[in-house]
PDB file of N, CA and C in Angstrom:
ATOM      1  N   MET A   1     123.849 221.691 265.481  1.00  0.00           N
ATOM      2  CA  MET A   1     123.317 222.800 264.720  1.00  0.00           C
ATOM      3  C   MET A   1     124.220 224.017 264.937  1.00  0.00           C
ATOM      4  N   THR A   2     124.342 224.825 263.921  1.00  0.00           N
ATOM      5  CA  THR A   2     125.220 225.983 263.986  1.00  0.00           C
ATOM      6  C   THR A   2     124.416 227.278 263.977  1.00  0.00           C
ATOM      7  N   ASP A   3     125.035 228.342 264.477  1.00  0.00           N
ATOM      8  CA  ASP A   3     124.383 229.652 264.463  1.00  0.00           C
ATOM      9  C   ASP A   3     124.587 230.376 263.143  1.00  0.00           C
ATOM     10  N   GLN A   4     125.388 229.795 262.260  1.00  0.00           N
ATOM     11  CA  GLN A   4     125.657 230.442 260.973  1.00  0.00           C
ATOM     12  C   GLN A   4     124.408 230.407 260.093  1.00  0.00           C
ATOM     13  N   HIS A   5     124.095 231.533 259.488  1.00  0.00           N
ATOM     14  CA  HIS A   5     122.944 231.619 258.587  1.00  0.00           C
ATOM     15  C   HIS A   5     123.217 230.733 257.366  1.00  0.00           C
ATOM     16  N   PRO A   6     122.208 230.025 256.871  1.00  0.00           N
ATOM     17  CA  PRO A   6     122.416 229.176 255.690  1.00  0.00           C
ATOM     18  C   PRO A   6     122.764 229.965 254.425  1.00  0.00           C
ATOM     19  N   LEU A   7     122.447 231.244 254.405  1.00  0.00           N
ATOM     20  CA  LEU A   7     122.815 232.087 253.268  1.00  0.00           C
ATOM     21  C   LEU A   7     124.221 232.631 253.550  1.00  0.00           C
ATOM     22  N   THR A   8     125.210 231.850 253.157  1.00  0.00           N
ATOM     23  CA  THR A   8     126.606 232.168 253.458  1.00  0.00           C
ATOM     24  C   THR A   8     127.100 233.342 252.617  1.00  0.00           C
ATOM     25  N   ASP A   9     128.248 233.859 252.982  1.00  0.00           N
ATOM     26  CA  ASP A   9     128.854 234.941 252.205  1.00  0.00           C
ATOM     27  C   ASP A   9     129.046 234.517 250.751  1.00  0.00           C
ATOM     28  N   ASP A  10     129.489 233.279 250.534  1.00  0.00           N
ATOM     29  CA  ASP A  10     129.695 232.790 249.164  1.00  0.00           C
ATOM     30  C   ASP A  10     128.388 232.770 248.373  1.00  0.00           C
ATOM     31  N   LEU A  11     127.307 232.336 249.008  1.00  0.00           N
ATOM     32  CA  LEU A  11     126.011 232.325 248.315  1.00  0.00           C
ATOM     33  C   LEU A  11     125.535 233.745 248.025  1.00  0.00           C
ATOM     34  N   CYS A  12     125.750 234.651 248.960  1.00  0.00           N
ATOM     35  CA  CYS A  12     125.388 236.052 248.717  1.00  0.00           C
ATOM     36  C   CYS A  12     126.143 236.586 247.507  1.00  0.00           C
ATOM     37  N   HIS A  13     127.420 236.267 247.432  1.00  0.00           N
ATOM     38  CA  HIS A  13     128.232 236.731 246.314  1.00  0.00           C
ATOM     39  C   HIS A  13     127.766 236.099 244.997  1.00  0.00           C
ATOM     40  N   THR A  14     127.305 234.855 245.059  1.00  0.00           N
ATOM     41  CA  THR A  14     126.788 234.185 243.864  1.00  0.00           C
ATOM     42  C   THR A  14     125.545 234.895 243.341  1.00  0.00           C
ATOM     43  N   VAL A  15     124.695 235.366 244.246  1.00  0.00           N
ATOM     44  CA  VAL A  15     123.473 236.063 243.853  1.00  0.00           C
ATOM     45  C   VAL A  15     123.804 237.388 243.173  1.00  0.00           C
ATOM     46  N   CYS A  16     124.754 238.101 243.712  1.00  0.00           N
ATOM     47  CA  CYS A  16     125.120 239.391 243.126  1.00  0.00           C
ATOM     48  C   CYS A  16     126.640 239.543 243.158  1.00  0.00           C
ATOM     49  N   GLU A  17     127.259 239.174 242.072  1.00  0.00           N
ATOM     50  CA  GLU A  17     128.719 239.187 241.998  1.00  0.00           C
ATOM     51  C   GLU A  17     129.300 240.595 241.997  1.00  0.00           C
ATOM     52  N   ASP A  18     128.480 241.620 241.746  1.00  0.00           N
ATOM     53  CA  ASP A  18     128.972 242.996 241.692  1.00  0.00           C
ATOM     54  C   ASP A  18     129.238 243.592 243.074  1.00  0.00           C
ATOM     55  N   TRP A  19     128.673 243.010 244.125  1.00  0.00           N
ATOM     56  CA  TRP A  19     128.894 243.552 245.456  1.00  0.00           C
ATOM     57  C   TRP A  19     130.292 243.227 245.913  1.00  0.00           C
ATOM     58  N   PRO A  20     130.930 244.177 246.549  1.00  0.00           N
ATOM     59  CA  PRO A  20     132.253 243.872 247.094  1.00  0.00           C
ATOM     60  C   PRO A  20     132.121 242.893 248.257  1.00  0.00           C
ATOM     61  N   PRO A  21     133.031 241.957 248.376  1.00  0.00           N
ATOM     62  CA  PRO A  21     132.944 240.934 249.430  1.00  0.00           C
ATOM     63  C   PRO A  21     132.856 241.515 250.840  1.00  0.00           C
ATOM     64  N   GLU A  22     133.393 242.708 251.041  1.00  0.00           N
ATOM     65  CA  GLU A  22     133.379 243.298 252.381  1.00  0.00           C
ATOM     66  C   GLU A  22     132.079 244.036 252.711  1.00  0.00           C
ATOM     67  N   ASP A  23     131.105 244.046 251.809  1.00  0.00           N
ATOM     68  CA  ASP A  23     129.844 244.758 252.020  1.00  0.00           C
ATOM     69  C   ASP A  23     128.903 243.924 252.891  1.00  0.00           C
ATOM     70  N   ASP A  24     129.097 244.016 254.196  1.00  0.00           N
ATOM     71  CA  ASP A  24     128.305 243.219 255.136  1.00  0.00           C
ATOM     72  C   ASP A  24     126.854 243.689 255.222  1.00  0.00           C
ATOM     73  N   VAL A  25     126.599 244.954 254.960  1.00  0.00           N
ATOM     74  CA  VAL A  25     125.233 245.480 255.045  1.00  0.00           C
ATOM     75  C   VAL A  25     124.329 244.783 254.030  1.00  0.00           C
ATOM     76  N   GLU A  26     124.786 244.660 252.796  1.00  0.00           N
ATOM     77  CA  GLU A  26     123.964 244.001 251.773  1.00  0.00           C
ATOM     78  C   GLU A  26     123.767 242.524 252.088  1.00  0.00           C
ATOM     79  N   LYS A  27     124.787 241.859 252.589  1.00  0.00           N
ATOM     80  CA  LYS A  27     124.631 240.452 252.971  1.00  0.00           C
ATOM     81  C   LYS A  27     123.623 240.314 254.108  1.00  0.00           C
ATOM     82  N   ASP A  28     123.683 241.219 255.068  1.00  0.00           N
ATOM     83  CA  ASP A  28     122.708 241.185 256.160  1.00  0.00           C
ATOM     84  C   ASP A  28     121.294 241.438 255.643  1.00  0.00           C
ATOM     85  N   ASN A  29     121.163 242.357 254.683  1.00  0.00           N
ATOM     86  CA  ASN A  29     119.851 242.618 254.085  1.00  0.00           C
ATOM     87  C   ASN A  29     119.325 241.381 253.364  1.00  0.00           C
ATOM     88  N   MET A  30     120.193 240.696 252.638  1.00  0.00           N
ATOM     89  CA  MET A  30     119.771 239.468 251.940  1.00  0.00           C
ATOM     90  C   MET A  30     119.323 238.415 252.937  1.00  0.00           C
ATOM     91  N   ARG A  31     120.059 238.282 254.017  1.00  0.00           N
ATOM     92  CA  ARG A  31     119.707 237.288 255.036  1.00  0.00           C
ATOM     93  C   ARG A  31     118.389 237.650 255.715  1.00  0.00           C
ATOM     94  N   SER A  32     118.181 238.926 255.982  1.00  0.00           N
ATOM     95  CA  SER A  32     116.915 239.363 256.581  1.00  0.00           C
ATOM     96  C   SER A  32     115.747 239.077 255.647  1.00  0.00           C
ATOM     97  N   ALA A  33     115.944 239.328 254.363  1.00  0.00           N
ATOM     98  CA  ALA A  33     114.886 239.054 253.378  1.00  0.00           C
ATOM     99  C   ALA A  33     114.595 237.556 253.305  1.00  0.00           C
ATOM    100  N   ALA A  34     115.625 236.739 253.348  1.00  0.00           N
ATOM    101  CA  ALA A  34     115.433 235.282 253.309  1.00  0.00           C
ATOM    102  C   ALA A  34     114.692 234.807 254.555  1.00  0.00           C
ATOM    103  N   ASP A  35     115.036 235.363 255.706  1.00  0.00           N
ATOM    104  CA  ASP A  35     114.349 234.992 256.951  1.00  0.00           C
ATOM    105  C   ASP A  35     112.884 235.411 256.909  1.00  0.00           C
ATOM    106  N   TRP A  36     112.616 236.627 256.397  1.00  0.00           N
ATOM    107  CA  TRP A  36     111.243 237.102 256.280  1.00  0.00           C
ATOM    108  C   TRP A  36     110.436 236.177 255.367  1.00  0.00           C
ATOM    109  N   GLN A  37     111.045 235.807 254.232  1.00  0.00           N
ATOM    110  CA  GLN A  37     110.334 234.947 253.292  1.00  0.00           C
ATOM    111  C   GLN A  37     110.038 233.581 253.922  1.00  0.00           C
ATOM    112  N   LEU A  38     110.978 233.051 254.684  1.00  0.00           N
ATOM    113  CA  LEU A  38     110.748 231.781 255.368  1.00  0.00           C
ATOM    114  C   LEU A  38     109.589 231.906 256.360  1.00  0.00           C
ATOM    115  N   GLN A  39     109.492 233.026 257.042  1.00  0.00           N
ATOM    116  CA  GLN A  39     108.369 233.252 257.953  1.00  0.00           C
ATOM    117  C   GLN A  39     107.044 233.266 257.195  1.00  0.00           C
ATOM    118  N   GLN A  40     107.033 233.866 256.009  1.00  0.00           N
ATOM    119  CA  GLN A  40     105.815 233.901 255.204  1.00  0.00           C
ATOM    120  C   GLN A  40     105.415 232.498 254.751  1.00  0.00           C
ATOM    121  N   VAL A  41     106.392 231.702 254.363  1.00  0.00           N
ATOM    122  CA  VAL A  41     106.141 230.317 253.939  1.00  0.00           C
ATOM    123  C   VAL A  41     105.551 229.521 255.101  1.00  0.00           C
ATOM    124  N   THR A  42     106.178 229.633 256.262  1.00  0.00           N
ATOM    125  CA  THR A  42     105.722 228.900 257.433  1.00  0.00           C
ATOM    126  C   THR A  42     104.298 229.299 257.800  1.00  0.00           C
ATOM    127  N   LYS A  43     104.020 230.592 257.779  1.00  0.00           N
ATOM    128  CA  LYS A  43     102.677 231.081 258.093  1.00  0.00           C
ATOM    129  C   LYS A  43     101.650 230.531 257.108  1.00  0.00           C
ATOM    130  N   TRP A  44     101.973 230.582 255.808  1.00  0.00           N
ATOM    131  CA  TRP A  44     101.042 230.088 254.793  1.00  0.00           C
ATOM    132  C   TRP A  44     100.766 228.595 255.003  1.00  0.00           C
ATOM    133  N   LEU A  45     101.825 227.818 255.244  1.00  0.00           N
ATOM    134  CA  LEU A  45     101.640 226.382 255.444  1.00  0.00           C
ATOM    135  C   LEU A  45     100.769 226.099 256.665  1.00  0.00           C
ATOM    136  N   LYS A  46     101.006 226.802 257.756  1.00  0.00           N
ATOM    137  CA  LYS A  46     100.196 226.592 258.965  1.00  0.00           C
ATOM    138  C   LYS A  46      98.729 226.914 258.717  1.00  0.00           C
ATOM    139  N   GLU A  47      98.480 227.956 257.928  1.00  0.00           N
ATOM    140  CA  GLU A  47      97.104 228.388 257.681  1.00  0.00           C
ATOM    141  C   GLU A  47      96.379 227.550 256.631  1.00  0.00           C
ATOM    142  N   HIS A  48      97.102 226.914 255.710  1.00  0.00           N
ATOM    143  CA  HIS A  48      96.450 226.285 254.567  1.00  0.00           C
ATOM    144  C   HIS A  48      96.671 224.781 254.413  1.00  0.00           C
ATOM    145  N   LEU A  49      97.696 224.237 255.017  1.00  0.00           N
ATOM    146  CA  LEU A  49      98.072 222.851 254.729  1.00  0.00           C
ATOM    147  C   LEU A  49      96.960 221.849 255.042  1.00  0.00           C
ATOM    148  N   GLU A  50      96.234 222.090 256.095  1.00  0.00           N
ATOM    149  CA  GLU A  50      95.180 221.152 256.482  1.00  0.00           C
ATOM    150  C   GLU A  50      94.144 220.955 255.373  1.00  0.00           C
ATOM    151  N   GLY A  51      93.910 221.985 254.578  1.00  0.00           N
ATOM    152  CA  GLY A  51      92.942 221.892 253.490  1.00  0.00           C
ATOM    153  C   GLY A  51      93.377 220.975 252.353  1.00  0.00           C
ATOM    154  N   TYR A  52      94.627 220.571 252.359  1.00  0.00           N
ATOM    155  CA  TYR A  52      95.144 219.695 251.302  1.00  0.00           C
ATOM    156  C   TYR A  52      95.359 218.265 251.790  1.00  0.00           C
ATOM    157  N   LEU A  53      94.969 218.009 253.015  1.00  0.00           N
ATOM    158  CA  LEU A  53      95.116 216.673 253.577  1.00  0.00           C
ATOM    159  C   LEU A  53      93.862 215.859 253.273  1.00  0.00           C
ATOM    160  N   CYS A  54      94.045 214.739 252.636  1.00  0.00           N
ATOM    161  CA  CYS A  54      92.928 213.861 252.278  1.00  0.00           C
ATOM    162  C   CYS A  54      93.196 212.475 252.847  1.00  0.00           C
ATOM    163  N   GLU A  55      92.151 211.703 252.941  1.00  0.00           N
ATOM    164  CA  GLU A  55      92.310 210.329 253.402  1.00  0.00           C
ATOM    165  C   GLU A  55      91.570 209.407 252.457  1.00  0.00           C
ATOM    166  N   ASN A  56      92.188 208.275 252.211  1.00  0.00           N
ATOM    167  CA  ASN A  56      91.479 207.238 251.483  1.00  0.00           C
ATOM    168  C   ASN A  56      91.463 205.987 252.355  1.00  0.00           C
ATOM    169  N   TYR A  57      91.095 204.904 251.791  1.00  0.00           N
ATOM    170  CA  TYR A  57      90.954 203.658 252.549  1.00  0.00           C
ATOM    171  C   TYR A  57      92.262 203.241 253.215  1.00  0.00           C
ATOM    172  N   TYR A  58      93.392 203.557 252.575  1.00  0.00           N
ATOM    173  CA  TYR A  58      94.680 203.050 253.044  1.00  0.00           C
ATOM    174  C   TYR A  58      95.392 203.990 254.015  1.00  0.00           C
ATOM    175  N   LYS A  59      95.453 205.269 253.685  1.00  0.00           N
ATOM    176  CA  LYS A  59      96.232 206.195 254.519  1.00  0.00           C
ATOM    177  C   LYS A  59      95.936 207.633 254.112  1.00  0.00           C
ATOM    178  N   PRO A  60      96.312 208.572 254.970  1.00  0.00           N
ATOM    179  CA  PRO A  60      96.167 209.980 254.592  1.00  0.00           C
ATOM    180  C   PRO A  60      97.237 210.366 253.565  1.00  0.00           C
ATOM    181  N   TYR A  61      96.924 211.357 252.758  1.00  0.00           N
ATOM    182  CA  TYR A  61      97.890 211.842 251.771  1.00  0.00           C
ATOM    183  C   TYR A  61      97.645 213.316 251.509  1.00  0.00           C
ATOM    184  N   LEU A  62      98.653 213.967 250.964  1.00  0.00           N
ATOM    185  CA  LEU A  62      98.571 215.388 250.632  1.00  0.00           C
ATOM    186  C   LEU A  62      98.378 215.565 249.136  1.00  0.00           C
ATOM    187  N   LEU A  63      97.617 216.552 248.756  1.00  0.00           N
ATOM    188  CA  LEU A  63      97.433 216.904 247.347  1.00  0.00           C
ATOM    189  C   LEU A  63      98.613 217.798 246.945  1.00  0.00           C
ATOM    190  N   THR A  64      99.755 217.178 246.707  1.00  0.00           N
ATOM    191  CA  THR A  64     101.016 217.890 246.529  1.00  0.00           C
ATOM    192  C   THR A  64     100.983 218.895 245.379  1.00  0.00           C
ATOM    193  N   ALA A  65     100.507 218.511 244.225  1.00  0.00           N
ATOM    194  CA  ALA A  65     100.486 219.415 243.070  1.00  0.00           C
ATOM    195  C   ALA A  65      99.619 220.634 243.370  1.00  0.00           C
ATOM    196  N   ASP A  66      98.487 220.424 244.018  1.00  0.00           N
ATOM    197  CA  ASP A  66      97.600 221.534 244.367  1.00  0.00           C
ATOM    198  C   ASP A  66      98.260 222.471 245.379  1.00  0.00           C
ATOM    199  N   ILE A  67      98.946 221.889 246.357  1.00  0.00           N
ATOM    200  CA  ILE A  67      99.656 222.712 247.348  1.00  0.00           C
ATOM    201  C   ILE A  67     100.663 223.599 246.642  1.00  0.00           C
ATOM    202  N   LEU A  68     101.467 222.997 245.784  1.00  0.00           N
ATOM    203  CA  LEU A  68     102.525 223.757 245.113  1.00  0.00           C
ATOM    204  C   LEU A  68     101.956 224.856 244.226  1.00  0.00           C
ATOM    205  N   ASP A  69     100.920 224.560 243.476  1.00  0.00           N
ATOM    206  CA  ASP A  69     100.304 225.575 242.614  1.00  0.00           C
ATOM    207  C   ASP A  69      99.764 226.750 243.435  1.00  0.00           C
ATOM    208  N   ASP A  70      99.001 226.442 244.475  1.00  0.00           N
ATOM    209  CA  ASP A  70      98.402 227.499 245.288  1.00  0.00           C
ATOM    210  C   ASP A  70      99.463 228.264 246.073  1.00  0.00           C
ATOM    211  N   PHE A  71     100.475 227.549 246.517  1.00  0.00           N
ATOM    212  CA  PHE A  71     101.558 228.192 247.254  1.00  0.00           C
ATOM    213  C   PHE A  71     102.311 229.187 246.368  1.00  0.00           C
ATOM    214  N   LYS A  72     102.615 228.783 245.154  1.00  0.00           N
ATOM    215  CA  LYS A  72     103.307 229.683 244.222  1.00  0.00           C
ATOM    216  C   LYS A  72     102.462 230.928 243.946  1.00  0.00           C
ATOM    217  N   LYS A  73     101.159 230.735 243.791  1.00  0.00           N
ATOM    218  CA  LYS A  73     100.273 231.886 243.562  1.00  0.00           C
ATOM    219  C   LYS A  73     100.256 232.810 244.776  1.00  0.00           C
ATOM    220  N   ALA A  74     100.260 232.243 245.959  1.00  0.00           N
ATOM    221  CA  ALA A  74     100.227 233.052 247.174  1.00  0.00           C
ATOM    222  C   ALA A  74     101.532 233.821 247.376  1.00  0.00           C
ATOM    223  N   MET A  75     102.636 233.216 247.027  1.00  0.00           N
ATOM    224  CA  MET A  75     103.934 233.854 247.226  1.00  0.00           C
ATOM    225  C   MET A  75     104.293 234.835 246.111  1.00  0.00           C
ATOM    226  N   ARG A  76     103.717 234.658 244.942  1.00  0.00           N
ATOM    227  CA  ARG A  76     103.990 235.539 243.806  1.00  0.00           C
ATOM    228  C   ARG A  76     102.682 235.968 243.169  1.00  0.00           C
ATOM    229  N   PRO A  77     101.910 236.799 243.885  1.00  0.00           N
ATOM    230  CA  PRO A  77     100.616 237.219 243.329  1.00  0.00           C
ATOM    231  C   PRO A  77     100.808 238.011 242.040  1.00  0.00           C
ATOM    232  N   ARG A  78      99.881 237.852 241.141  1.00  0.00           N
ATOM    233  CA  ARG A  78      99.907 238.534 239.844  1.00  0.00           C
ATOM    234  C   ARG A  78      98.855 239.632 239.848  1.00  0.00           C
ATOM    235  N   ARG A  79      99.147 240.691 239.113  1.00  0.00           N
ATOM    236  CA  ARG A  79      98.144 241.738 238.929  1.00  0.00           C
ATOM    237  C   ARG A  79      97.084 241.228 237.973  1.00  0.00           C
ATOM    238  N   ARG A  80      95.860 241.657 238.209  1.00  0.00           N
ATOM    239  CA  ARG A  80      94.793 241.340 237.262  1.00  0.00           C
ATOM    240  C   ARG A  80      94.954 242.234 236.052  1.00  0.00           C
ATOM    241  N   SER A  81      94.627 241.710 234.883  1.00  0.00           N
ATOM    242  CA  SER A  81      94.740 242.531 233.675  1.00  0.00           C
ATOM    243  C   SER A  81      93.799 243.717 233.786  1.00  0.00           C
ATOM    244  N   GLY A  82      94.246 244.844 233.229  1.00  0.00           N
ATOM    245  CA  GLY A  82      93.454 246.048 233.300  1.00  0.00           C
ATOM    246  C   GLY A  82      93.793 246.919 234.504  1.00  0.00           C
ATOM    247  N   LYS A  83      94.464 246.354 235.498  1.00  0.00           N
ATOM    248  CA  LYS A  83      94.875 247.121 236.663  1.00  0.00           C
ATOM    249  C   LYS A  83      96.232 247.742 236.398  1.00  0.00           C
ATOM    250  N   GLN A  84      96.419 248.948 236.827  1.00  0.00           N
ATOM    251  CA  GLN A  84      97.683 249.637 236.635  1.00  0.00           C
ATOM    252  C   GLN A  84      98.474 249.579 237.922  1.00  0.00           C
ATOM    253  N   SER A  85      99.774 249.435 237.798  1.00  0.00           N
ATOM    254  CA  SER A  85     100.665 249.448 238.940  1.00  0.00           C
ATOM    255  C   SER A  85     100.988 250.884 239.304  1.00  0.00           C
ATOM    256  N   ASN A  86     101.234 251.130 240.582  1.00  0.00           N
ATOM    257  CA  ASN A  86     101.670 252.449 241.022  1.00  0.00           C
ATOM    258  C   ASN A  86     103.160 252.652 240.785  1.00  0.00           C
ATOM    259  N   ASN A  87     103.868 251.567 240.472  1.00  0.00           N
ATOM    260  CA  ASN A  87     105.301 251.674 240.211  1.00  0.00           C
ATOM    261  C   ASN A  87     105.534 252.216 238.821  1.00  0.00           C
ATOM    262  N   LYS A  88     106.453 253.151 238.701  1.00  0.00           N
ATOM    263  CA  LYS A  88     106.752 253.724 237.386  1.00  0.00           C
ATOM    264  C   LYS A  88     108.166 253.469 237.017  1.00  0.00           C
TER     265      LYS A  88
END
């Protein structure tokens, strides 16, 4: 295993080609955001995954489609209609 972050300089540049290659601050910010998001994913899975585990006569299984749907909703919450955003 390596200490190199999986979000390499090349991948950072692919995400935003306008950044100069020597801009280490923005690459570090992208890596920090990716690490934070991974922590959120891990936390959500630990808190919710057990609720999607089912068993039948043969073996246990996961309700994969339900996990993915609920996970996407949790990671990208939507505003309810009629609510106004504070962002302008």
